[in-house]
Amino acid sequence: MRVSGKEDAMALVQRVQNICLKPNQEWEVIAGESTPTADLLKNYALPLAGAKAVAEFIGNSFVRPVGFSIASLLVAGVVMLGISVGATYAVALIIDALAPKFGAEKGVAQGLKVAVYSATPVWVVGILGIIPSLGALVWLAMLYSLYLLYLGLQRLMKCPAEKALAYTAAVAGCWLGIMIVASMVVGGIAAAGMVASGTLPLR
């Protein structure tokens, strides 16, 4: 699925709606697609993760200030965006590597589609996170992403149903570990920026 204009942007929105509202049918459609890796990351993952990063920057800077300088938050946001997209590709490699252990078929291309589209709810709700009262929805989005992952591993990686839950848990655990480390890195960058600017003195 290419996204290069108004019509393709509408297609992106449609894909987001479909994967969130009717995942069973949409995974079947996705399974038959042959989207190049670069296109999937650049035209789907990056716009959604980027919108989430912008929303978080605005929220942390103006709506509910967290005490860091705007420059620090901007740098941290850019780094987090890169890590988020990179982590999605790393998860695709993990999905591929773990496939034989759970009776699934190997395939990085299919694994990437599972990783990217499963992350959709988290990215979308992250955009809404600019509104403090909606922040709690992130936890629901994470749970729904796990459900999408569970379905995607069965549809695209051909994982047997009786092993899909364990496969999902293994991939989710790795994904969580990656994002925890990423958050620590980003937090360190923000804090370092505060120290450099003199707004957070060393003790």
N, C-alpha and C. Protein backbone atom coordinates (compact mmCIF):
# COMPACT_ATOMS: atom_id res chain seq x y z
N MET A 1 0.85 -1.19 0.00
CA MET A 1 0.00 0.00 0.00
C MET A 1 0.88 1.23 0.00
N ARG A 2 0.86 2.02 -1.06
CA ARG A 2 1.65 3.24 -1.15
C ARG A 2 0.83 4.42 -0.66
N VAL A 3 1.49 5.36 -0.04
CA VAL A 3 0.82 6.56 0.47
C VAL A 3 1.60 7.75 -0.05
N SER A 4 1.11 8.37 -1.14
CA SER A 4 1.89 9.44 -1.76
C SER A 4 1.03 10.62 -2.14
N GLY A 5 -0.20 10.68 -1.74
CA GLY A 5 -1.07 11.79 -2.09
C GLY A 5 -2.35 11.71 -1.30
N LYS A 6 -3.30 12.56 -1.68
CA LYS A 6 -4.55 12.63 -0.94
C LYS A 6 -5.28 11.29 -0.95
N GLU A 7 -5.37 10.67 -2.12
CA GLU A 7 -6.09 9.40 -2.21
C GLU A 7 -5.40 8.32 -1.38
N ASP A 8 -4.07 8.30 -1.43
CA ASP A 8 -3.34 7.29 -0.68
C ASP A 8 -3.39 7.58 0.82
N ALA A 9 -3.44 8.85 1.20
CA ALA A 9 -3.60 9.19 2.60
C ALA A 9 -4.96 8.69 3.10
N MET A 10 -5.97 8.80 2.25
CA MET A 10 -7.28 8.28 2.60
C MET A 10 -7.23 6.76 2.73
N ALA A 11 -6.40 6.12 1.89
CA ALA A 11 -6.24 4.67 1.98
C ALA A 11 -5.60 4.29 3.30
N LEU A 12 -4.65 5.11 3.76
CA LEU A 12 -4.02 4.86 5.05
C LEU A 12 -5.06 4.93 6.16
N VAL A 13 -5.89 5.95 6.13
CA VAL A 13 -6.94 6.11 7.14
C VAL A 13 -7.89 4.91 7.09
N GLN A 14 -8.19 4.47 5.88
CA GLN A 14 -9.09 3.32 5.73
C GLN A 14 -8.47 2.06 6.31
N ARG A 15 -7.16 1.90 6.08
CA ARG A 15 -6.47 0.74 6.64
C ARG A 15 -6.48 0.77 8.16
N VAL A 16 -6.27 1.96 8.73
CA VAL A 16 -6.31 2.11 10.18
C VAL A 16 -7.68 1.72 10.71
N GLN A 17 -8.72 2.21 10.06
CA GLN A 17 -10.08 1.89 10.49
C GLN A 17 -10.35 0.39 10.39
N ASN A 18 -9.93 -0.20 9.28
CA ASN A 18 -10.21 -1.62 9.05
C ASN A 18 -9.48 -2.52 10.03
N ILE A 19 -8.19 -2.24 10.27
CA ILE A 19 -7.42 -3.12 11.15
C ILE A 19 -7.90 -2.99 12.58
N CYS A 20 -8.45 -1.83 12.93
CA CYS A 20 -8.94 -1.63 14.30
C CYS A 20 -10.37 -2.12 14.49
N LEU A 21 -11.20 -1.98 13.47
CA LEU A 21 -12.62 -2.29 13.61
C LEU A 21 -13.02 -3.67 13.10
N LYS A 22 -12.32 -4.18 12.10
CA LYS A 22 -12.63 -5.51 11.59
C LYS A 22 -11.33 -6.25 11.25
N PRO A 23 -10.54 -6.56 12.29
CA PRO A 23 -9.22 -7.14 12.09
C PRO A 23 -9.19 -8.49 11.40
N ASN A 24 -10.17 -9.34 11.67
CA ASN A 24 -10.16 -10.66 11.05
C ASN A 24 -10.18 -10.56 9.53
N GLN A 25 -11.09 -9.73 9.01
CA GLN A 25 -11.18 -9.57 7.57
C GLN A 25 -9.95 -8.85 7.01
N GLU A 26 -9.47 -7.85 7.74
CA GLU A 26 -8.35 -7.05 7.23
C GLU A 26 -7.05 -7.84 7.21
N TRP A 27 -6.84 -8.71 8.18
CA TRP A 27 -5.63 -9.54 8.14
C TRP A 27 -5.60 -10.43 6.91
N GLU A 28 -6.77 -10.88 6.48
CA GLU A 28 -6.82 -11.70 5.27
C GLU A 28 -6.40 -10.89 4.05
N VAL A 29 -6.84 -9.63 4.00
CA VAL A 29 -6.47 -8.75 2.90
C VAL A 29 -4.96 -8.48 2.95
N ILE A 30 -4.46 -8.16 4.13
CA ILE A 30 -3.05 -7.84 4.30
C ILE A 30 -2.16 -9.02 3.94
N ALA A 31 -2.62 -10.22 4.25
CA ALA A 31 -1.82 -11.43 3.97
C ALA A 31 -1.50 -11.57 2.49
N GLY A 32 -2.39 -11.09 1.64
CA GLY A 32 -2.18 -11.22 0.21
C GLY A 32 -1.43 -10.06 -0.43
N GLU A 33 -1.06 -9.05 0.37
CA GLU A 33 -0.36 -7.88 -0.16
C GLU A 33 1.16 -8.12 -0.17
N SER A 34 1.82 -7.46 -1.08
CA SER A 34 3.29 -7.57 -1.17
C SER A 34 3.88 -6.16 -1.13
N THR A 35 3.74 -5.50 0.00
CA THR A 35 4.23 -4.13 0.15
C THR A 35 5.72 -4.14 0.48
N PRO A 36 6.54 -3.41 -0.26
CA PRO A 36 7.98 -3.35 0.04
C PRO A 36 8.21 -2.84 1.46
N THR A 37 9.26 -3.35 2.09
CA THR A 37 9.59 -2.96 3.46
C THR A 37 9.70 -1.45 3.62
N ALA A 38 10.44 -0.81 2.72
CA ALA A 38 10.65 0.64 2.82
C ALA A 38 9.33 1.39 2.75
N ASP A 39 8.43 0.95 1.86
CA ASP A 39 7.13 1.62 1.73
C ASP A 39 6.29 1.46 2.98
N LEU A 40 6.31 0.27 3.55
CA LEU A 40 5.50 0.01 4.74
C LEU A 40 5.96 0.85 5.92
N LEU A 41 7.27 0.97 6.07
CA LEU A 41 7.80 1.78 7.16
C LEU A 41 7.62 3.27 6.90
N LYS A 42 7.92 3.69 5.68
CA LYS A 42 7.88 5.12 5.34
C LYS A 42 6.47 5.65 5.20
N ASN A 43 5.58 4.85 4.64
CA ASN A 43 4.26 5.35 4.29
C ASN A 43 3.16 4.97 5.27
N TYR A 44 3.46 4.11 6.22
CA TYR A 44 2.44 3.74 7.21
C TYR A 44 2.97 3.94 8.63
N ALA A 45 4.05 3.26 8.96
CA ALA A 45 4.57 3.35 10.33
C ALA A 45 5.04 4.76 10.66
N LEU A 46 5.80 5.37 9.77
CA LEU A 46 6.36 6.70 10.06
C LEU A 46 5.29 7.78 10.23
N PRO A 47 4.29 7.86 9.35
CA PRO A 47 3.26 8.90 9.55
C PRO A 47 2.50 8.74 10.87
N LEU A 48 2.15 7.50 11.22
CA LEU A 48 1.39 7.30 12.46
C LEU A 48 2.26 7.52 13.69
N ALA A 49 3.47 6.95 13.67
CA ALA A 49 4.37 7.16 14.81
C ALA A 49 4.78 8.62 14.91
N GLY A 50 4.91 9.28 13.76
CA GLY A 50 5.27 10.70 13.76
C GLY A 50 4.16 11.56 14.33
N ALA A 51 2.93 11.25 13.98
CA ALA A 51 1.79 12.00 14.52
C ALA A 51 1.71 11.82 16.03
N LYS A 52 1.99 10.60 16.50
CA LYS A 52 2.00 10.33 17.94
C LYS A 52 3.10 11.15 18.62
N ALA A 53 4.27 11.20 18.00
CA ALA A 53 5.39 11.95 18.58
C ALA A 53 5.08 13.43 18.67
N VAL A 54 4.45 13.98 17.63
CA VAL A 54 4.08 15.40 17.64
C VAL A 54 3.05 15.67 18.73
N ALA A 55 2.06 14.79 18.86
CA ALA A 55 1.03 14.97 19.88
C ALA A 55 1.64 14.93 21.28
N GLU A 56 2.57 14.00 21.49
CA GLU A 56 3.20 13.90 22.79
C GLU A 56 4.06 15.13 23.09
N PHE A 57 4.73 15.64 22.06
CA PHE A 57 5.55 16.84 22.24
C PHE A 57 4.67 18.03 22.64
N ILE A 58 3.57 18.21 21.95
CA ILE A 58 2.66 19.32 22.27
C ILE A 58 2.08 19.13 23.67
N GLY A 59 1.67 17.90 23.96
CA GLY A 59 1.09 17.65 25.28
C GLY A 59 2.07 17.89 26.41
N ASN A 60 3.30 17.38 26.24
CA ASN A 60 4.31 17.52 27.30
C ASN A 60 4.85 18.94 27.41
N SER A 61 4.75 19.71 26.33
CA SER A 61 5.29 21.07 26.33
C SER A 61 4.28 22.11 26.77
N PHE A 62 3.02 21.95 26.36
CA PHE A 62 2.05 23.02 26.56
C PHE A 62 0.79 22.61 27.33
N VAL A 63 0.29 21.39 27.07
CA VAL A 63 -0.96 20.99 27.70
C VAL A 63 -0.75 20.55 29.15
N ARG A 64 0.25 19.72 29.36
CA ARG A 64 0.58 19.24 30.71
C ARG A 64 2.10 19.23 30.85
N PRO A 65 2.71 20.39 30.99
CA PRO A 65 4.17 20.50 31.06
C PRO A 65 4.77 19.53 32.07
N VAL A 66 5.86 18.84 31.64
CA VAL A 66 6.49 17.84 32.50
C VAL A 66 7.79 18.34 33.11
N GLY A 67 8.15 19.61 32.86
CA GLY A 67 9.31 20.17 33.51
C GLY A 67 10.57 20.20 32.69
N PHE A 68 10.55 19.55 31.52
CA PHE A 68 11.73 19.57 30.65
C PHE A 68 11.64 20.75 29.68
N SER A 69 12.80 21.17 29.20
CA SER A 69 12.80 22.27 28.23
C SER A 69 12.21 21.80 26.91
N ILE A 70 11.70 22.76 26.14
CA ILE A 70 11.11 22.43 24.84
C ILE A 70 12.16 21.80 23.92
N ALA A 71 13.39 22.32 23.96
CA ALA A 71 14.45 21.78 23.11
C ALA A 71 14.74 20.32 23.46
N SER A 72 14.77 20.03 24.76
CA SER A 72 15.02 18.66 25.21
C SER A 72 13.91 17.73 24.76
N LEU A 73 12.68 18.19 24.90
CA LEU A 73 11.54 17.37 24.50
C LEU A 73 11.52 17.15 23.00
N LEU A 74 11.94 18.17 22.24
CA LEU A 74 11.97 18.04 20.79
C LEU A 74 12.99 17.00 20.36
N VAL A 75 14.19 17.08 20.93
CA VAL A 75 15.23 16.11 20.59
C VAL A 75 14.81 14.70 21.02
N ALA A 76 14.27 14.60 22.23
CA ALA A 76 13.83 13.30 22.73
C ALA A 76 12.72 12.72 21.85
N GLY A 77 11.83 13.60 21.38
CA GLY A 77 10.74 13.14 20.52
C GLY A 77 11.23 12.61 19.20
N VAL A 78 12.20 13.28 18.60
CA VAL A 78 12.76 12.84 17.33
C VAL A 78 13.46 11.49 17.51
N VAL A 79 14.23 11.39 18.60
CA VAL A 79 14.92 10.13 18.89
C VAL A 79 13.92 9.00 19.11
N MET A 80 12.86 9.28 19.88
CA MET A 80 11.85 8.27 20.16
C MET A 80 11.14 7.83 18.89
N LEU A 81 10.93 8.76 17.98
CA LEU A 81 10.30 8.42 16.72
C LEU A 81 11.16 7.43 15.95
N GLY A 82 12.45 7.74 15.87
CA GLY A 82 13.36 6.83 15.17
C GLY A 82 13.42 5.47 15.83
N ILE A 83 13.45 5.47 17.15
CA ILE A 83 13.50 4.21 17.88
C ILE A 83 12.21 3.42 17.67
N SER A 84 11.09 4.11 17.68
CA SER A 84 9.80 3.45 17.53
C SER A 84 9.70 2.71 16.20
N VAL A 85 10.10 3.40 15.12
CA VAL A 85 10.05 2.76 13.80
C VAL A 85 11.09 1.65 13.72
N GLY A 86 12.29 1.93 14.26
CA GLY A 86 13.33 0.91 14.24
C GLY A 86 12.95 -0.31 15.06
N ALA A 87 12.31 -0.07 16.21
CA ALA A 87 11.89 -1.18 17.07
C ALA A 87 10.85 -2.05 16.37
N THR A 88 9.99 -1.42 15.58
CA THR A 88 8.98 -2.18 14.85
C THR A 88 9.64 -3.15 13.88
N TYR A 89 10.69 -2.69 13.21
CA TYR A 89 11.42 -3.58 12.30
C TYR A 89 12.15 -4.67 13.09
N ALA A 90 12.70 -4.30 14.25
CA ALA A 90 13.38 -5.29 15.08
C ALA A 90 12.40 -6.38 15.52
N VAL A 91 11.17 -5.99 15.85
CA VAL A 91 10.16 -6.95 16.25
C VAL A 91 9.82 -7.88 15.09
N ALA A 92 9.83 -7.35 13.87
CA ALA A 92 9.59 -8.19 12.70
C ALA A 92 10.66 -9.28 12.60
N LEU A 93 11.90 -8.91 12.87
CA LEU A 93 12.98 -9.89 12.85
C LEU A 93 12.80 -10.94 13.96
N ILE A 94 12.31 -10.48 15.12
CA ILE A 94 12.05 -11.40 16.23
C ILE A 94 10.93 -12.35 15.87
N ILE A 95 9.88 -11.82 15.26
CA ILE A 95 8.75 -12.66 14.83
C ILE A 95 9.25 -13.75 13.88
N ASP A 96 10.10 -13.35 12.95
CA ASP A 96 10.65 -14.30 11.98
C ASP A 96 11.54 -15.33 12.67
N ALA A 97 12.39 -14.87 13.58
CA ALA A 97 13.33 -15.77 14.24
C ALA A 97 12.62 -16.79 15.14
N LEU A 98 11.53 -16.38 15.79
CA LEU A 98 10.82 -17.26 16.71
C LEU A 98 9.83 -18.19 16.00
N ALA A 99 9.53 -17.91 14.74
CA ALA A 99 8.51 -18.66 14.03
C ALA A 99 8.66 -20.18 14.13
N PRO A 100 9.84 -20.75 13.84
CA PRO A 100 9.96 -22.22 13.89
C PRO A 100 9.66 -22.82 15.27
N LYS A 101 9.94 -22.07 16.33
CA LYS A 101 9.70 -22.58 17.69
C LYS A 101 8.22 -22.77 17.98
N PHE A 102 7.38 -22.09 17.22
CA PHE A 102 5.94 -22.17 17.47
C PHE A 102 5.19 -22.75 16.27
N GLY A 103 5.89 -23.45 15.43
CA GLY A 103 5.26 -24.11 14.29
C GLY A 103 4.76 -23.17 13.22
N ALA A 104 5.29 -21.95 13.21
CA ALA A 104 4.86 -20.96 12.22
C ALA A 104 5.84 -20.92 11.05
N GLU A 105 5.46 -20.22 9.99
CA GLU A 105 6.31 -20.08 8.81
C GLU A 105 7.21 -18.85 8.95
N LYS A 106 8.46 -19.00 8.55
CA LYS A 106 9.37 -17.86 8.58
C LYS A 106 9.05 -16.90 7.43
N GLY A 107 9.42 -15.65 7.64
CA GLY A 107 9.19 -14.64 6.60
C GLY A 107 9.25 -13.25 7.20
N VAL A 108 10.32 -12.54 6.93
CA VAL A 108 10.48 -11.20 7.50
C VAL A 108 9.42 -10.24 6.97
N ALA A 109 9.09 -10.36 5.68
CA ALA A 109 8.11 -9.46 5.08
C ALA A 109 6.76 -9.59 5.77
N GLN A 110 6.33 -10.83 5.98
CA GLN A 110 5.06 -11.04 6.66
C GLN A 110 5.16 -10.62 8.12
N GLY A 111 6.32 -10.89 8.74
CA GLY A 111 6.52 -10.49 10.13
C GLY A 111 6.45 -8.99 10.30
N LEU A 112 6.98 -8.26 9.31
CA LEU A 112 6.94 -6.80 9.39
C LEU A 112 5.51 -6.30 9.31
N LYS A 113 4.71 -6.91 8.46
CA LYS A 113 3.31 -6.50 8.38
C LYS A 113 2.59 -6.75 9.70
N VAL A 114 2.89 -7.88 10.33
CA VAL A 114 2.28 -8.17 11.63
C VAL A 114 2.68 -7.12 12.65
N ALA A 115 3.98 -6.81 12.70
CA ALA A 115 4.48 -5.84 13.68
C ALA A 115 3.91 -4.45 13.44
N VAL A 116 3.94 -3.99 12.22
CA VAL A 116 3.49 -2.63 11.89
C VAL A 116 2.00 -2.46 12.15
N TYR A 117 1.20 -3.36 11.61
CA TYR A 117 -0.24 -3.18 11.74
C TYR A 117 -0.73 -3.46 13.16
N SER A 118 -0.03 -4.32 13.90
CA SER A 118 -0.41 -4.57 15.29
C SER A 118 -0.19 -3.34 16.16
N ALA A 119 0.79 -2.52 15.79
CA ALA A 119 1.09 -1.32 16.57
C ALA A 119 0.11 -0.19 16.32
N THR A 120 -0.76 -0.33 15.34
CA THR A 120 -1.67 0.74 14.96
C THR A 120 -2.46 1.35 16.12
N PRO A 121 -3.12 0.55 16.97
CA PRO A 121 -3.91 1.16 18.06
C PRO A 121 -3.08 2.04 19.00
N VAL A 122 -1.86 1.60 19.29
CA VAL A 122 -1.01 2.38 20.19
C VAL A 122 -0.64 3.72 19.57
N TRP A 123 -0.33 3.71 18.28
CA TRP A 123 0.01 4.96 17.60
C TRP A 123 -1.20 5.89 17.54
N VAL A 124 -2.35 5.34 17.21
CA VAL A 124 -3.55 6.15 17.08
C VAL A 124 -3.96 6.76 18.42
N VAL A 125 -3.98 5.96 19.45
CA VAL A 125 -4.35 6.46 20.77
C VAL A 125 -3.28 7.42 21.29
N GLY A 126 -2.03 7.21 20.89
CA GLY A 126 -0.98 8.14 21.27
C GLY A 126 -1.24 9.54 20.76
N ILE A 127 -1.87 9.62 19.59
CA ILE A 127 -2.23 10.92 19.02
C ILE A 127 -3.28 11.60 19.91
N LEU A 128 -4.22 10.80 20.40
CA LEU A 128 -5.27 11.35 21.27
C LEU A 128 -4.74 11.67 22.66
N GLY A 129 -3.55 11.16 22.97
CA GLY A 129 -2.97 11.37 24.28
C GLY A 129 -2.64 12.81 24.59
N ILE A 130 -2.74 13.68 23.59
CA ILE A 130 -2.52 15.11 23.83
C ILE A 130 -3.55 15.65 24.81
N ILE A 131 -4.69 14.96 24.90
CA ILE A 131 -5.74 15.33 25.85
C ILE A 131 -5.53 14.52 27.13
N PRO A 132 -5.14 15.14 28.23
CA PRO A 132 -4.80 14.41 29.45
C PRO A 132 -5.85 13.39 29.89
N SER A 133 -7.11 13.73 29.76
CA SER A 133 -8.17 12.83 30.23
C SER A 133 -8.25 11.54 29.43
N LEU A 134 -7.62 11.52 28.25
CA LEU A 134 -7.67 10.32 27.41
C LEU A 134 -6.42 9.47 27.54
N GLY A 135 -5.51 9.88 28.41
CA GLY A 135 -4.25 9.17 28.55
C GLY A 135 -4.42 7.71 28.93
N ALA A 136 -5.45 7.41 29.73
CA ALA A 136 -5.67 6.04 30.18
C ALA A 136 -6.00 5.09 29.03
N LEU A 137 -6.42 5.64 27.89
CA LEU A 137 -6.76 4.80 26.75
C LEU A 137 -5.54 4.08 26.20
N VAL A 138 -4.35 4.56 26.53
CA VAL A 138 -3.13 3.91 26.04
C VAL A 138 -3.08 2.45 26.49
N TRP A 139 -3.51 2.19 27.72
CA TRP A 139 -3.47 0.82 28.23
C TRP A 139 -4.45 -0.07 27.46
N LEU A 140 -5.60 0.45 27.14
CA LEU A 140 -6.56 -0.32 26.33
C LEU A 140 -6.00 -0.56 24.94
N ALA A 141 -5.32 0.45 24.39
CA ALA A 141 -4.74 0.32 23.06
C ALA A 141 -3.65 -0.76 23.05
N MET A 142 -2.87 -0.83 24.11
CA MET A 142 -1.83 -1.84 24.20
C MET A 142 -2.44 -3.24 24.23
N LEU A 143 -3.51 -3.39 24.98
CA LEU A 143 -4.18 -4.69 25.03
C LEU A 143 -4.76 -5.06 23.67
N TYR A 144 -5.32 -4.07 22.98
CA TYR A 144 -5.88 -4.37 21.67
C TYR A 144 -4.78 -4.68 20.66
N SER A 145 -3.63 -4.04 20.81
CA SER A 145 -2.50 -4.35 19.95
C SER A 145 -2.06 -5.80 20.14
N LEU A 146 -2.11 -6.27 21.38
CA LEU A 146 -1.76 -7.67 21.64
C LEU A 146 -2.76 -8.60 20.95
N TYR A 147 -4.02 -8.21 20.95
CA TYR A 147 -5.04 -9.02 20.27
C TYR A 147 -4.77 -9.05 18.76
N LEU A 148 -4.43 -7.89 18.20
CA LEU A 148 -4.12 -7.84 16.78
C LEU A 148 -2.89 -8.68 16.46
N LEU A 149 -1.90 -8.63 17.36
CA LEU A 149 -0.70 -9.44 17.19
C LEU A 149 -1.07 -10.92 17.19
N TYR A 150 -1.90 -11.30 18.11
CA TYR A 150 -2.37 -12.69 18.22
C TYR A 150 -3.03 -13.16 16.93
N LEU A 151 -3.89 -12.33 16.39
CA LEU A 151 -4.57 -12.68 15.13
C LEU A 151 -3.59 -12.69 13.96
N GLY A 152 -2.72 -11.68 13.91
CA GLY A 152 -1.79 -11.56 12.79
C GLY A 152 -0.80 -12.70 12.72
N LEU A 153 -0.34 -13.17 13.86
CA LEU A 153 0.60 -14.29 13.86
C LEU A 153 -0.05 -15.54 13.29
N GLN A 154 -1.33 -15.69 13.51
CA GLN A 154 -2.03 -16.85 12.96
C GLN A 154 -2.29 -16.70 11.47
N ARG A 155 -2.73 -15.50 11.06
CA ARG A 155 -3.09 -15.29 9.66
C ARG A 155 -1.86 -15.21 8.75
N LEU A 156 -0.86 -14.42 9.17
CA LEU A 156 0.26 -14.14 8.28
C LEU A 156 1.44 -15.09 8.47
N MET A 157 1.70 -15.49 9.71
CA MET A 157 2.83 -16.38 9.97
C MET A 157 2.39 -17.85 10.01
N LYS A 158 1.10 -18.07 9.83
CA LYS A 158 0.55 -19.43 9.80
C LYS A 158 0.84 -20.19 11.08
N CYS A 159 0.75 -19.50 12.20
CA CYS A 159 1.00 -20.15 13.49
C CYS A 159 -0.23 -20.97 13.88
N PRO A 160 -0.04 -22.23 14.31
CA PRO A 160 -1.18 -23.03 14.76
C PRO A 160 -1.89 -22.35 15.92
N ALA A 161 -3.20 -22.45 15.94
CA ALA A 161 -3.99 -21.76 16.96
C ALA A 161 -3.57 -22.13 18.37
N GLU A 162 -3.21 -23.39 18.59
CA GLU A 162 -2.86 -23.82 19.95
C GLU A 162 -1.51 -23.27 20.43
N LYS A 163 -0.72 -22.73 19.51
CA LYS A 163 0.57 -22.16 19.88
C LYS A 163 0.60 -20.63 19.75
N ALA A 164 -0.49 -20.07 19.26
CA ALA A 164 -0.52 -18.63 18.98
C ALA A 164 -0.39 -17.79 20.24
N LEU A 165 -0.99 -18.22 21.34
CA LEU A 165 -0.93 -17.43 22.57
C LEU A 165 0.51 -17.36 23.10
N ALA A 166 1.21 -18.50 23.07
CA ALA A 166 2.60 -18.52 23.55
C ALA A 166 3.49 -17.69 22.62
N TYR A 167 3.24 -17.78 21.32
CA TYR A 167 3.99 -17.00 20.34
C TYR A 167 3.77 -15.50 20.58
N THR A 168 2.52 -15.14 20.81
CA THR A 168 2.19 -13.75 21.09
C THR A 168 2.89 -13.25 22.35
N ALA A 169 2.87 -14.06 23.40
CA ALA A 169 3.50 -13.68 24.65
C ALA A 169 5.01 -13.48 24.48
N ALA A 170 5.64 -14.36 23.71
CA ALA A 170 7.09 -14.27 23.49
C ALA A 170 7.45 -13.00 22.73
N VAL A 171 6.70 -12.72 21.67
CA VAL A 171 6.96 -11.52 20.88
C VAL A 171 6.67 -10.27 21.69
N ALA A 172 5.56 -10.28 22.41
CA ALA A 172 5.17 -9.11 23.22
C ALA A 172 6.22 -8.83 24.30
N GLY A 173 6.76 -9.87 24.90
CA GLY A 173 7.79 -9.69 25.92
C GLY A 173 9.03 -9.02 25.36
N CYS A 174 9.44 -9.46 24.18
CA CYS A 174 10.60 -8.85 23.53
C CYS A 174 10.31 -7.40 23.16
N TRP A 175 9.12 -7.16 22.64
CA TRP A 175 8.71 -5.81 22.24
C TRP A 175 8.70 -4.87 23.44
N LEU A 176 8.16 -5.35 24.55
CA LEU A 176 8.10 -4.55 25.77
C LEU A 176 9.51 -4.21 26.25
N GLY A 177 10.39 -5.20 26.21
CA GLY A 177 11.77 -4.97 26.63
C GLY A 177 12.45 -3.90 25.80
N ILE A 178 12.23 -3.95 24.49
CA ILE A 178 12.81 -2.95 23.59
C ILE A 178 12.31 -1.55 23.93
N MET A 179 11.00 -1.43 24.16
CA MET A 179 10.43 -0.11 24.41
C MET A 179 10.81 0.43 25.80
N ILE A 180 11.01 -0.46 26.76
CA ILE A 180 11.46 0.00 28.08
C ILE A 180 12.86 0.61 27.96
N VAL A 181 13.74 -0.09 27.26
CA VAL A 181 15.09 0.44 27.05
C VAL A 181 15.03 1.75 26.28
N ALA A 182 14.16 1.80 25.26
CA ALA A 182 14.03 3.02 24.46
C ALA A 182 13.57 4.19 25.32
N SER A 183 12.60 3.93 26.20
CA SER A 183 12.11 5.00 27.08
C SER A 183 13.19 5.51 28.01
N MET A 184 14.03 4.59 28.50
CA MET A 184 15.13 4.99 29.37
C MET A 184 16.12 5.88 28.62
N VAL A 185 16.39 5.50 27.37
CA VAL A 185 17.31 6.28 26.54
C VAL A 185 16.76 7.68 26.31
N VAL A 186 15.48 7.75 25.95
CA VAL A 186 14.85 9.04 25.67
C VAL A 186 14.79 9.89 26.94
N GLY A 187 14.46 9.27 28.06
CA GLY A 187 14.44 10.01 29.32
C GLY A 187 15.81 10.57 29.67
N GLY A 188 16.83 9.79 29.39
CA GLY A 188 18.20 10.25 29.63
C GLY A 188 18.57 11.43 28.76
N ILE A 189 18.12 11.38 27.50
CA ILE A 189 18.40 12.48 26.57
C ILE A 189 17.72 13.76 27.05
N ALA A 190 16.45 13.65 27.47
CA ALA A 190 15.72 14.82 27.96
C ALA A 190 16.39 15.41 29.19
N ALA A 191 16.80 14.53 30.11
CA ALA A 191 17.45 15.01 31.33
C ALA A 191 18.80 15.66 31.02
N ALA A 192 19.53 15.06 30.08
CA ALA A 192 20.83 15.62 29.70
C ALA A 192 20.66 17.01 29.09
N GLY A 193 19.58 17.17 28.33
CA GLY A 193 19.31 18.47 27.73
C GLY A 193 19.02 19.52 28.79
N MET A 194 18.32 19.10 29.84
CA MET A 194 18.02 20.03 30.93
C MET A 194 19.29 20.44 31.67
N VAL A 195 20.18 19.47 31.87
CA VAL A 195 21.45 19.78 32.55
C VAL A 195 22.28 20.74 31.71
N ALA A 196 22.32 20.46 30.39
CA ALA A 196 23.12 21.30 29.49
C ALA A 196 22.59 22.73 29.44
N SER A 197 21.26 22.86 29.55
CA SER A 197 20.66 24.20 29.47
C SER A 197 20.69 24.92 30.81
N GLY A 198 21.05 24.17 31.86
CA GLY A 198 21.11 24.78 33.19
C GLY A 198 19.80 24.81 33.93
N THR A 199 18.75 24.25 33.32
CA THR A 199 17.43 24.23 33.97
C THR A 199 17.28 23.06 34.93
N LEU A 200 18.20 22.09 34.84
CA LEU A 200 18.20 20.97 35.77
C LEU A 200 19.62 20.82 36.29
N PRO A 201 19.95 21.51 37.36
CA PRO A 201 21.33 21.49 37.86
C PRO A 201 21.74 20.14 38.39
N LEU A 202 23.02 19.82 38.22
CA LEU A 202 23.58 18.58 38.75
C LEU A 202 23.68 18.70 40.26
N ARG A 203 23.50 17.57 40.95
CA ARG A 203 23.60 17.58 42.41
C ARG A 203 24.74 16.66 42.83
